[in-house]
């Protein structure tokens, strides 16, 4: 079965200043992105950042990736969607196991709860290892990759497709954050971001060990727009490249990065 044309999305860290969210979301929509995303972390809720985006970008989807279910469950997510008056039809809700001791078992147990509590949203699952990729392919509306090289993403995609085939249906779309920095300080920005995640928890440590890549090299550090486009183009295993913008949390640098990395 042929794959649909690849799409591109733009992503940021949750908690982006309110005065940046509106102009950035409008620029992302105008630049031709398919959706705009925020992560979720203990100091800022991704859904709250999406609420800031929603009014300024009313024609594209909104995504959060990922919400750790060991920290806030499906009921909390549902309450936040209602509280923030977000349209479920526009939402991609990415979920993950967080710091769960048995992440695969935990995520299998969460499937029915998520479907019952969040029936109107599209659910994507964070997946890095082969078993998680297979589960995402079999039970979710999408798989969400993180910190992968183009080659590693290709292998992980095969696991998603195998899980879907085992379940008897077509593979769901594969999303992936690709950290992207452009300009003179791009190498330093990417290295700083990556260093934080490499030792965040056992799942990430195991993942980076499997990658076997030199520190500070997983993602895109580009000198200019053309360089960024060429490097992003290598991620052909993804159905949706979510450009995770590494720039100062101000309007001008974030918009400039979004425009340079646009489809």
C-alpha atoms as a PDB file:
ATOM      1  CA  UNK A   1       0.000   0.000   0.000  1.00  0.00           C
ATOM      2  CA  UNK A   2       1.430   3.375  -0.966  1.00  0.00           C
ATOM      3  CA  UNK A   3       2.016   5.949   1.720  1.00  0.00           C
ATOM      4  CA  UNK A   4       0.377   9.388   1.622  1.00  0.00           C
ATOM      5  CA  UNK A   5       2.541  12.437   0.989  1.00  0.00           C
ATOM      6  CA  UNK A   6       4.706  13.348   3.942  1.00  0.00           C
ATOM      7  CA  UNK A   7       3.508  16.231   6.104  1.00  0.00           C
ATOM      8  CA  UNK A   8       5.358  18.612   8.334  1.00  0.00           C
ATOM      9  CA  UNK A   9       4.388  20.020  11.736  1.00  0.00           C
ATOM     10  CA  UNK A  10       6.029  22.414  14.161  1.00  0.00           C
ATOM     11  CA  UNK A  11       6.628  21.759  17.852  1.00  0.00           C
ATOM     12  CA  UNK A  12       7.756  23.682  20.917  1.00  0.00           C
ATOM     13  CA  UNK A  13       8.291  23.157  24.618  1.00  0.00           C
ATOM     14  CA  UNK A  14       5.169  23.708  26.703  1.00  0.00           C
ATOM     15  CA  UNK A  15       5.035  26.975  28.580  1.00  0.00           C
ATOM     16  CA  UNK A  16       6.058  29.164  25.640  1.00  0.00           C
ATOM     17  CA  UNK A  17       5.262  32.774  26.607  1.00  0.00           C
ATOM     18  CA  UNK A  18       1.708  33.800  25.743  1.00  0.00           C
ATOM     19  CA  UNK A  19       2.904  36.738  23.669  1.00  0.00           C
ATOM     20  CA  UNK A  20       4.875  34.348  21.460  1.00  0.00           C
ATOM     21  CA  UNK A  21       2.201  31.687  21.002  1.00  0.00           C
ATOM     22  CA  UNK A  22      -0.254  33.643  18.863  1.00  0.00           C
ATOM     23  CA  UNK A  23       2.201  35.090  16.334  1.00  0.00           C
ATOM     24  CA  UNK A  24       4.052  31.785  16.090  1.00  0.00           C
ATOM     25  CA  UNK A  25       0.881  29.741  15.529  1.00  0.00           C
ATOM     26  CA  UNK A  26      -0.300  32.143  12.827  1.00  0.00           C
ATOM     27  CA  UNK A  27       3.102  31.975  11.112  1.00  0.00           C
ATOM     28  CA  UNK A  28       3.133  28.172  11.291  1.00  0.00           C
ATOM     29  CA  UNK A  29      -0.293  27.981   9.677  1.00  0.00           C
ATOM     30  CA  UNK A  30       0.636  30.504   6.975  1.00  0.00           C
ATOM     31  CA  UNK A  31       3.863  28.608   6.224  1.00  0.00           C
ATOM     32  CA  UNK A  32       1.967  25.454   5.282  1.00  0.00           C
ATOM     33  CA  UNK A  33       2.469  23.226   8.301  1.00  0.00           C
ATOM     34  CA  UNK A  34      -0.195  20.591   8.926  1.00  0.00           C
ATOM     35  CA  UNK A  35      -0.284  20.943  12.709  1.00  0.00           C
ATOM     36  CA  UNK A  36       1.376  22.592  15.684  1.00  0.00           C
ATOM     37  CA  UNK A  37       2.537  20.721  18.792  1.00  0.00           C
ATOM     38  CA  UNK A  38       3.754  21.220  22.345  1.00  0.00           C
ATOM     39  CA  UNK A  39       5.356  18.778  24.701  1.00  0.00           C
ATOM     40  CA  UNK A  40       4.202  18.349  28.299  1.00  0.00           C
ATOM     41  CA  UNK A  41       6.335  18.483  31.418  1.00  0.00           C
ATOM     42  CA  UNK A  42       5.962  18.963  35.189  1.00  0.00           C
ATOM     43  CA  UNK A  43       6.308  22.740  34.931  1.00  0.00           C
ATOM     44  CA  UNK A  44       3.863  23.418  32.068  1.00  0.00           C
ATOM     45  CA  UNK A  45       0.922  21.618  30.525  1.00  0.00           C
ATOM     46  CA  UNK A  46       1.087  21.102  26.797  1.00  0.00           C
ATOM     47  CA  UNK A  47      -2.682  21.424  26.450  1.00  0.00           C
ATOM     48  CA  UNK A  48      -2.522  24.921  27.918  1.00  0.00           C
ATOM     49  CA  UNK A  49       0.014  25.904  25.279  1.00  0.00           C
ATOM     50  CA  UNK A  50      -2.264  24.422  22.600  1.00  0.00           C
ATOM     51  CA  UNK A  51      -5.109  26.581  23.914  1.00  0.00           C
ATOM     52  CA  UNK A  52      -2.923  29.628  23.249  1.00  0.00           C
ATOM     53  CA  UNK A  53      -2.265  28.378  19.717  1.00  0.00           C
ATOM     54  CA  UNK A  54      -5.875  27.473  18.919  1.00  0.00           C
ATOM     55  CA  UNK A  55      -7.319  30.906  18.201  1.00  0.00           C
ATOM     56  CA  UNK A  56      -4.437  32.118  16.066  1.00  0.00           C
ATOM     57  CA  UNK A  57      -4.270  28.959  13.948  1.00  0.00           C
ATOM     58  CA  UNK A  58      -7.815  27.778  13.349  1.00  0.00           C
ATOM     59  CA  UNK A  59      -7.263  25.666  10.229  1.00  0.00           C
ATOM     60  CA  UNK A  60      -4.606  23.215  11.419  1.00  0.00           C
ATOM     61  CA  UNK A  61      -4.565  20.401  13.951  1.00  0.00           C
ATOM     62  CA  UNK A  62      -3.202  20.706  17.478  1.00  0.00           C
ATOM     63  CA  UNK A  63      -1.013  18.095  19.117  1.00  0.00           C
ATOM     64  CA  UNK A  64       0.612  17.389  22.457  1.00  0.00           C
ATOM     65  CA  UNK A  65       3.446  14.880  22.736  1.00  0.00           C
ATOM     66  CA  UNK A  66       3.742  13.448  25.077  1.00  0.00           C
ATOM     67  CA  UNK A  67       1.755  13.402  28.285  1.00  0.00           C
ATOM     68  CA  UNK A  68       3.212  10.971  30.830  1.00  0.00           C
ATOM     69  CA  UNK A  69       0.309   8.874  32.070  1.00  0.00           C
ATOM     70  CA  UNK A  70       2.034   8.045  35.337  1.00  0.00           C
ATOM     71  CA  UNK A  71       1.816  11.759  36.139  1.00  0.00           C
ATOM     72  CA  UNK A  72      -1.627  12.650  34.804  1.00  0.00           C
ATOM     73  CA  UNK A  73      -4.157  10.079  33.740  1.00  0.00           C
ATOM     74  CA  UNK A  74      -6.858  10.041  31.094  1.00  0.00           C
ATOM     75  CA  UNK A  75      -9.412  11.646  33.430  1.00  0.00           C
ATOM     76  CA  UNK A  76      -7.143  14.650  34.022  1.00  0.00           C
ATOM     77  CA  UNK A  77      -6.518  14.997  30.289  1.00  0.00           C
ATOM     78  CA  UNK A  78     -10.279  14.946  29.630  1.00  0.00           C
ATOM     79  CA  UNK A  79     -10.872  17.582  32.301  1.00  0.00           C
ATOM     80  CA  UNK A  80      -8.167  19.818  30.825  1.00  0.00           C
ATOM     81  CA  UNK A  81      -9.609  19.549  27.313  1.00  0.00           C
ATOM     82  CA  UNK A  82     -12.995  20.636  28.654  1.00  0.00           C
ATOM     83  CA  UNK A  83     -11.559  23.366  30.888  1.00  0.00           C
ATOM     84  CA  UNK A  84      -9.562  24.849  28.025  1.00  0.00           C
ATOM     85  CA  UNK A  85     -12.452  24.576  25.564  1.00  0.00           C
ATOM     86  CA  UNK A  86     -10.332  22.684  23.049  1.00  0.00           C
ATOM     87  CA  UNK A  87     -12.078  21.044  20.100  1.00  0.00           C
ATOM     88  CA  UNK A  88     -11.425  17.279  20.432  1.00  0.00           C
ATOM     89  CA  UNK A  89     -11.746  16.840  16.676  1.00  0.00           C
ATOM     90  CA  UNK A  90      -8.590  18.929  16.181  1.00  0.00           C
ATOM     91  CA  UNK A  91      -6.537  17.141  18.818  1.00  0.00           C
ATOM     92  CA  UNK A  92      -3.750  14.598  18.591  1.00  0.00           C
ATOM     93  CA  UNK A  93      -3.055  13.448  22.150  1.00  0.00           C
ATOM     94  CA  UNK A  94       0.320  11.807  22.563  1.00  0.00           C
ATOM     95  CA  UNK A  95       0.779   9.646  25.642  1.00  0.00           C
ATOM     96  CA  UNK A  96       3.662   7.758  27.167  1.00  0.00           C
ATOM     97  CA  UNK A  97       4.623   5.614  30.139  1.00  0.00           C
ATOM     98  CA  UNK A  98       6.764   8.240  31.869  1.00  0.00           C
ATOM     99  CA  UNK A  99       8.727   6.754  34.758  1.00  0.00           C
ATOM    100  CA  UNK A 100       6.644   3.574  35.015  1.00  0.00           C
ATOM    101  CA  UNK A 101       8.683   0.583  36.156  1.00  0.00           C
ATOM    102  CA  UNK A 102       7.064  -1.713  33.562  1.00  0.00           C
ATOM    103  CA  UNK A 103       6.262   0.688  30.702  1.00  0.00           C
ATOM    104  CA  UNK A 104       5.012  -1.868  28.178  1.00  0.00           C
ATOM    105  CA  UNK A 105       2.632  -3.499  30.637  1.00  0.00           C
ATOM    106  CA  UNK A 106       1.513  -0.101  31.879  1.00  0.00           C
ATOM    107  CA  UNK A 107       0.687   1.161  28.375  1.00  0.00           C
ATOM    108  CA  UNK A 108      -1.206  -2.013  27.478  1.00  0.00           C
ATOM    109  CA  UNK A 109      -3.348  -1.499  30.575  1.00  0.00           C
ATOM    110  CA  UNK A 110      -4.044   2.112  29.606  1.00  0.00           C
ATOM    111  CA  UNK A 111      -5.481   1.450  26.135  1.00  0.00           C
ATOM    112  CA  UNK A 112      -9.076   0.727  27.160  1.00  0.00           C
ATOM    113  CA  UNK A 113      -9.071   3.519  29.740  1.00  0.00           C
ATOM    114  CA  UNK A 114      -7.891   6.047  27.155  1.00  0.00           C
ATOM    115  CA  UNK A 115     -10.431   4.932  24.558  1.00  0.00           C
ATOM    116  CA  UNK A 116     -13.295   5.119  27.034  1.00  0.00           C
ATOM    117  CA  UNK A 117     -12.306   8.443  28.577  1.00  0.00           C
ATOM    118  CA  UNK A 118     -11.118  10.234  25.426  1.00  0.00           C
ATOM    119  CA  UNK A 119     -13.362   8.853  22.664  1.00  0.00           C
ATOM    120  CA  UNK A 120     -13.240  11.874  20.347  1.00  0.00           C
ATOM    121  CA  UNK A 121      -9.507  12.585  20.116  1.00  0.00           C
ATOM    122  CA  UNK A 122      -6.810  10.895  18.071  1.00  0.00           C
ATOM    123  CA  UNK A 123      -4.412   9.002  20.336  1.00  0.00           C
ATOM    124  CA  UNK A 124      -0.736   8.551  19.548  1.00  0.00           C
ATOM    125  CA  UNK A 125       1.755   6.664  21.673  1.00  0.00           C
ATOM    126  CA  UNK A 126       5.363   7.487  22.384  1.00  0.00           C
ATOM    127  CA  UNK A 127       7.471   4.644  21.049  1.00  0.00           C
ATOM    128  CA  UNK A 128      11.212   4.079  20.934  1.00  0.00           C
ATOM    129  CA  UNK A 129      11.887   0.385  21.583  1.00  0.00           C
ATOM    130  CA  UNK A 130      10.630  -2.402  19.296  1.00  0.00           C
ATOM    131  CA  UNK A 131       7.859  -3.677  21.587  1.00  0.00           C
ATOM    132  CA  UNK A 132       6.492  -0.189  22.191  1.00  0.00           C
ATOM    133  CA  UNK A 133       6.573   0.487  18.445  1.00  0.00           C
ATOM    134  CA  UNK A 134       4.571  -2.673  17.815  1.00  0.00           C
ATOM    135  CA  UNK A 135       2.022  -1.705  20.480  1.00  0.00           C
ATOM    136  CA  UNK A 136       1.636   1.757  18.977  1.00  0.00           C
ATOM    137  CA  UNK A 137       1.025   0.178  15.596  1.00  0.00           C
ATOM    138  CA  UNK A 138      -1.549  -2.270  16.861  1.00  0.00           C
ATOM    139  CA  UNK A 139      -3.579  -0.212  19.350  1.00  0.00           C
ATOM    140  CA  UNK A 140      -3.170   3.510  18.689  1.00  0.00           C
ATOM    141  CA  UNK A 141      -4.032   6.087  16.023  1.00  0.00           C
ATOM    142  CA  UNK A 142      -0.372   6.911  15.561  1.00  0.00           C
ATOM    143  CA  UNK A 143       3.153   6.258  16.780  1.00  0.00           C
ATOM    144  CA  UNK A 144       5.325   9.098  18.011  1.00  0.00           C
ATOM    145  CA  UNK A 145       9.111   8.806  17.738  1.00  0.00           C
ATOM    146  CA  UNK A 146      11.641  10.914  19.579  1.00  0.00           C
ATOM    147  CA  UNK A 147      15.406  11.343  19.331  1.00  0.00           C
ATOM    148  CA  UNK A 148      15.972   9.142  16.291  1.00  0.00           C
ATOM    149  CA  UNK A 149      18.288   9.282  13.334  1.00  0.00           C
ATOM    150  CA  UNK A 150      16.743   8.768   9.882  1.00  0.00           C
ATOM    151  CA  UNK A 151      18.080   5.209   9.732  1.00  0.00           C
ATOM    152  CA  UNK A 152      16.870   4.269  13.207  1.00  0.00           C
ATOM    153  CA  UNK A 153      13.442   5.737  12.440  1.00  0.00           C
ATOM    154  CA  UNK A 154      13.218   3.522   9.380  1.00  0.00           C
ATOM    155  CA  UNK A 155      13.794   0.396  11.474  1.00  0.00           C
ATOM    156  CA  UNK A 156      11.352   1.566  14.152  1.00  0.00           C
ATOM    157  CA  UNK A 157       8.716   2.193  11.490  1.00  0.00           C
ATOM    158  CA  UNK A 158       8.990  -1.449  10.431  1.00  0.00           C
ATOM    159  CA  UNK A 159       8.084  -2.475  13.980  1.00  0.00           C
ATOM    160  CA  UNK A 160       5.015  -0.197  13.916  1.00  0.00           C
ATOM    161  CA  UNK A 161       3.923  -1.714  10.620  1.00  0.00           C
ATOM    162  CA  UNK A 162       4.459  -5.233  11.957  1.00  0.00           C
ATOM    163  CA  UNK A 163       2.318  -4.494  15.001  1.00  0.00           C
ATOM    164  CA  UNK A 164      -0.462  -3.155  12.795  1.00  0.00           C
ATOM    165  CA  UNK A 165      -0.269  -6.171  10.498  1.00  0.00           C
ATOM    166  CA  UNK A 166      -0.468  -8.521  13.480  1.00  0.00           C
ATOM    167  CA  UNK A 167      -3.615  -6.682  14.600  1.00  0.00           C
ATOM    168  CA  UNK A 168      -5.105  -6.983  11.112  1.00  0.00           C
ATOM    169  CA  UNK A 169      -5.236  -3.350  10.028  1.00  0.00           C
ATOM    170  CA  UNK A 170      -3.203  -0.748   8.140  1.00  0.00           C
ATOM    171  CA  UNK A 171      -0.373   0.983   9.943  1.00  0.00           C
ATOM    172  CA  UNK A 172      -1.249   4.297  11.598  1.00  0.00           C
ATOM    173  CA  UNK A 173       0.742   7.432  10.781  1.00  0.00           C
ATOM    174  CA  UNK A 174       4.217   7.738  12.237  1.00  0.00           C
ATOM    175  CA  UNK A 175       5.110  11.090  13.778  1.00  0.00           C
ATOM    176  CA  UNK A 176       8.475  12.127  15.118  1.00  0.00           C
ATOM    177  CA  UNK A 177      10.124  15.064  16.807  1.00  0.00           C
ATOM    178  CA  UNK A 178      13.212  16.180  14.927  1.00  0.00           C
ATOM    179  CA  UNK A 179      15.072  18.726  17.018  1.00  0.00           C
ATOM    180  CA  UNK A 180      16.049  21.520  14.653  1.00  0.00           C
ATOM    181  CA  UNK A 181      18.407  24.437  15.177  1.00  0.00           C
ATOM    182  CA  UNK A 182      19.473  26.790  12.394  1.00  0.00           C
ATOM    183  CA  UNK A 183      22.246  29.369  12.416  1.00  0.00           C
ATOM    184  CA  UNK A 184      25.692  29.990  13.842  1.00  0.00           C
ATOM    185  CA  UNK A 185      24.867  28.464  17.247  1.00  0.00           C
ATOM    186  CA  UNK A 186      22.917  25.480  15.908  1.00  0.00           C
ATOM    187  CA  UNK A 187      25.445  22.837  16.968  1.00  0.00           C
ATOM    188  CA  UNK A 188      25.541  24.156  20.527  1.00  0.00           C
ATOM    189  CA  UNK A 189      21.754  24.385  20.785  1.00  0.00           C
ATOM    190  CA  UNK A 190      21.237  20.811  19.608  1.00  0.00           C
ATOM    191  CA  UNK A 191      23.979  19.479  21.896  1.00  0.00           C
ATOM    192  CA  UNK A 192      22.510  21.250  24.936  1.00  0.00           C
ATOM    193  CA  UNK A 193      19.011  19.911  24.265  1.00  0.00           C
ATOM    194  CA  UNK A 194      20.235  16.383  23.665  1.00  0.00           C
ATOM    195  CA  UNK A 195      22.430  16.338  26.782  1.00  0.00           C
ATOM    196  CA  UNK A 196      19.385  16.927  28.976  1.00  0.00           C
ATOM    197  CA  UNK A 197      17.517  13.912  27.594  1.00  0.00           C
ATOM    198  CA  UNK A 198      20.381  11.421  27.372  1.00  0.00           C
ATOM    199  CA  UNK A 199      20.312  10.745  31.107  1.00  0.00           C
ATOM    200  CA  UNK A 200      16.724  11.705  31.931  1.00  0.00           C
ATOM    201  CA  UNK A 201      15.653   8.149  32.821  1.00  0.00           C
ATOM    202  CA  UNK A 202      16.411   4.519  32.016  1.00  0.00           C
ATOM    203  CA  UNK A 203      14.237   4.488  28.902  1.00  0.00           C
ATOM    204  CA  UNK A 204      16.218   7.326  27.361  1.00  0.00           C
ATOM    205  CA  UNK A 205      19.556   5.883  28.474  1.00  0.00           C
ATOM    206  CA  UNK A 206      18.706   2.569  26.833  1.00  0.00           C
ATOM    207  CA  UNK A 207      17.482   4.325  23.713  1.00  0.00           C
ATOM    208  CA  UNK A 208      20.616   6.412  23.226  1.00  0.00           C
ATOM    209  CA  UNK A 209      22.705   3.302  23.842  1.00  0.00           C
ATOM    210  CA  UNK A 210      20.819   1.552  21.038  1.00  0.00           C
ATOM    211  CA  UNK A 211      21.336   4.545  18.774  1.00  0.00           C
ATOM    212  CA  UNK A 212      25.076   4.494  19.328  1.00  0.00           C
ATOM    213  CA  UNK A 213      25.472   8.013  17.947  1.00  0.00           C
ATOM    214  CA  UNK A 214      28.013  10.612  19.122  1.00  0.00           C
ATOM    215  CA  UNK A 215      26.673  13.082  21.647  1.00  0.00           C
ATOM    216  CA  UNK A 216      25.042  16.163  20.188  1.00  0.00           C
ATOM    217  CA  UNK A 217      24.353  14.702  16.750  1.00  0.00           C
ATOM    218  CA  UNK A 218      20.776  13.353  16.883  1.00  0.00           C
ATOM    219  CA  UNK A 219      18.616  15.877  15.077  1.00  0.00           C
ATOM    220  CA  UNK A 220      19.296  18.757  12.741  1.00  0.00           C
ATOM    221  CA  UNK A 221      21.942  21.400  13.331  1.00  0.00           C
ATOM    222  CA  UNK A 222      21.933  23.477  10.142  1.00  0.00           C
ATOM    223  CA  UNK A 223      23.861  26.479   8.940  1.00  0.00           C
ATOM    224  CA  UNK A 224      20.958  27.929   6.940  1.00  0.00           C
ATOM    225  CA  UNK A 225      17.562  27.190   5.395  1.00  0.00           C
ATOM    226  CA  UNK A 226      18.878  25.076   2.528  1.00  0.00           C
ATOM    227  CA  UNK A 227      20.987  22.987   4.881  1.00  0.00           C
ATOM    228  CA  UNK A 228      17.998  22.470   7.192  1.00  0.00           C
ATOM    229  CA  UNK A 229      15.748  21.396   4.345  1.00  0.00           C
ATOM    230  CA  UNK A 230      18.301  18.887   3.096  1.00  0.00           C
ATOM    231  CA  UNK A 231      18.775  17.345   6.538  1.00  0.00           C
ATOM    232  CA  UNK A 232      15.066  17.222   7.351  1.00  0.00           C
ATOM    233  CA  UNK A 233      14.479  15.554   4.005  1.00  0.00           C
ATOM    234  CA  UNK A 234      16.464  12.539   5.170  1.00  0.00           C
ATOM    235  CA  UNK A 235      13.684  11.628   7.609  1.00  0.00           C
ATOM    236  CA  UNK A 236      11.638   9.849   4.970  1.00  0.00           C
ATOM    237  CA  UNK A 237      10.487   7.131   7.391  1.00  0.00           C
ATOM    238  CA  UNK A 238       8.184   9.638   9.115  1.00  0.00           C
ATOM    239  CA  UNK A 239       4.706  10.408   7.847  1.00  0.00           C
ATOM    240  CA  UNK A 240       4.793  13.653   9.798  1.00  0.00           C
ATOM    241  CA  UNK A 241       8.063  15.384  10.643  1.00  0.00           C
ATOM    242  CA  UNK A 242       7.418  17.460  13.750  1.00  0.00           C
ATOM    243  CA  UNK A 243      10.123  20.118  13.616  1.00  0.00           C
ATOM    244  CA  UNK A 244      10.963  20.720  17.265  1.00  0.00           C
ATOM    245  CA  UNK A 245      12.223  24.274  17.147  1.00  0.00           C
ATOM    246  CA  UNK A 246      15.365  25.060  19.117  1.00  0.00           C
ATOM    247  CA  UNK A 247      15.434  28.838  19.247  1.00  0.00           C
ATOM    248  CA  UNK A 248      15.044  31.606  21.816  1.00  0.00           C
ATOM    249  CA  UNK A 249      11.491  31.768  23.160  1.00  0.00           C
ATOM    250  CA  UNK A 250      10.773  35.063  21.414  1.00  0.00           C
ATOM    251  CA  UNK A 251       8.613  35.868  18.415  1.00  0.00           C
ATOM    252  CA  UNK A 252      11.268  36.752  15.856  1.00  0.00           C
ATOM    253  CA  UNK A 253      13.676  33.805  16.299  1.00  0.00           C
ATOM    254  CA  UNK A 254      10.902  31.229  16.629  1.00  0.00           C
ATOM    255  CA  UNK A 255       9.033  32.502  13.567  1.00  0.00           C
ATOM    256  CA  UNK A 256      12.259  32.669  11.567  1.00  0.00           C
ATOM    257  CA  UNK A 257      13.088  29.054  12.414  1.00  0.00           C
ATOM    258  CA  UNK A 258       9.551  27.929  11.581  1.00  0.00           C
ATOM    259  CA  UNK A 259       9.713  29.664   8.207  1.00  0.00           C
ATOM    260  CA  UNK A 260      13.146  28.260   7.372  1.00  0.00           C
ATOM    261  CA  UNK A 261      12.074  24.697   8.238  1.00  0.00           C
ATOM    262  CA  UNK A 262       8.643  24.952   6.588  1.00  0.00           C
ATOM    263  CA  UNK A 263       7.487  22.380   4.028  1.00  0.00           C
END
